[in-house]
Amino acid sequence: MSQTEYTEDQLSEMREDAFVNIKEACKRLQERTMCGNEVVIKMLNEVSQFYLNQNEKNKL
């Protein structure tokens, strides 16, 4: 993925949009599966780790 420079306002808007979308997806998951917060936390940590690994691969 190419590196693009964003303004702080653009980054702030992206973070806000991402937070809202991720939160809604987690709520839908919990409604469908009746899983607890600990499952959502584990899942989000795994997603975060995936992107950290991708970032490390791209640096090589």
Protein backbone atom coordinates (compact mmCIF):
# COMPACT_ATOMS: atom_id res chain seq x y z
CA MET A 1 0.00 0.00 0.00
CA SER A 2 1.40 3.41 -0.87
CA GLN A 3 2.32 5.94 1.77
CA THR A 4 0.10 9.02 1.65
CA GLU A 5 0.49 12.13 3.74
CA TYR A 6 -2.69 13.14 5.56
CA THR A 7 -3.50 16.27 7.50
CA GLU A 8 -4.30 15.95 11.18
CA ASP A 9 -7.95 16.78 10.39
CA GLN A 10 -8.10 13.99 7.80
CA LEU A 11 -6.53 11.51 10.23
CA SER A 12 -8.93 12.56 12.96
CA GLU A 13 -11.92 12.03 10.66
CA MET A 14 -10.61 8.62 9.55
CA ARG A 15 -10.08 7.54 13.17
CA GLU A 16 -13.58 8.65 14.13
CA ASP A 17 -15.15 6.85 11.15
CA ALA A 18 -13.14 3.71 11.86
CA PHE A 19 -14.09 3.74 15.54
CA VAL A 20 -17.80 4.06 14.77
CA ASN A 21 -17.69 1.30 12.13
CA ILE A 22 -15.67 -1.08 14.29
CA LYS A 23 -17.87 -0.44 17.33
CA GLU A 24 -21.02 -1.16 15.28
CA ALA A 25 -19.49 -4.37 13.90
CA CYS A 26 -18.60 -5.51 17.42
CA LYS A 27 -22.11 -4.77 18.67
CA ARG A 28 -23.61 -6.77 15.78
CA LEU A 29 -21.25 -9.66 16.56
CA GLN A 30 -22.30 -9.61 20.19
CA GLU A 31 -25.99 -9.46 19.28
CA ARG A 32 -25.65 -12.46 16.92
CA THR A 33 -23.38 -14.61 19.07
CA MET A 34 -24.18 -13.37 22.58
CA CYS A 35 -20.42 -13.33 23.25
CA GLY A 36 -18.95 -11.26 26.03
CA ASN A 37 -16.63 -8.32 25.90
CA GLU A 38 -13.61 -10.56 26.46
CA VAL A 39 -14.25 -12.26 23.10
CA VAL A 40 -14.47 -8.89 21.35
CA ILE A 41 -11.28 -7.71 23.06
CA LYS A 42 -9.43 -10.87 21.98
CA MET A 43 -10.68 -10.49 18.42
CA LEU A 44 -9.66 -6.82 18.25
CA ASN A 45 -6.22 -7.66 19.63
CA GLU A 46 -5.80 -10.32 16.93
CA VAL A 47 -6.83 -7.86 14.22
CA SER A 48 -4.42 -5.31 15.63
CA GLN A 49 -1.62 -7.89 15.66
CA PHE A 50 -2.37 -8.75 12.03
CA TYR A 51 -1.84 -5.13 11.01
CA LEU A 52 1.29 -4.80 13.13
CA ASN A 53 2.70 -7.87 11.36
CA GLN A 54 1.74 -6.45 7.95
CA ASN A 55 3.48 -3.21 8.85
CA GLU A 56 6.64 -5.09 9.84
CA LYS A 57 6.59 -7.07 6.58
CA ASN A 58 6.30 -3.85 4.58
CA LYS A 59 9.34 -2.40 6.33
CA LEU A 60 11.58 -5.29 5.19
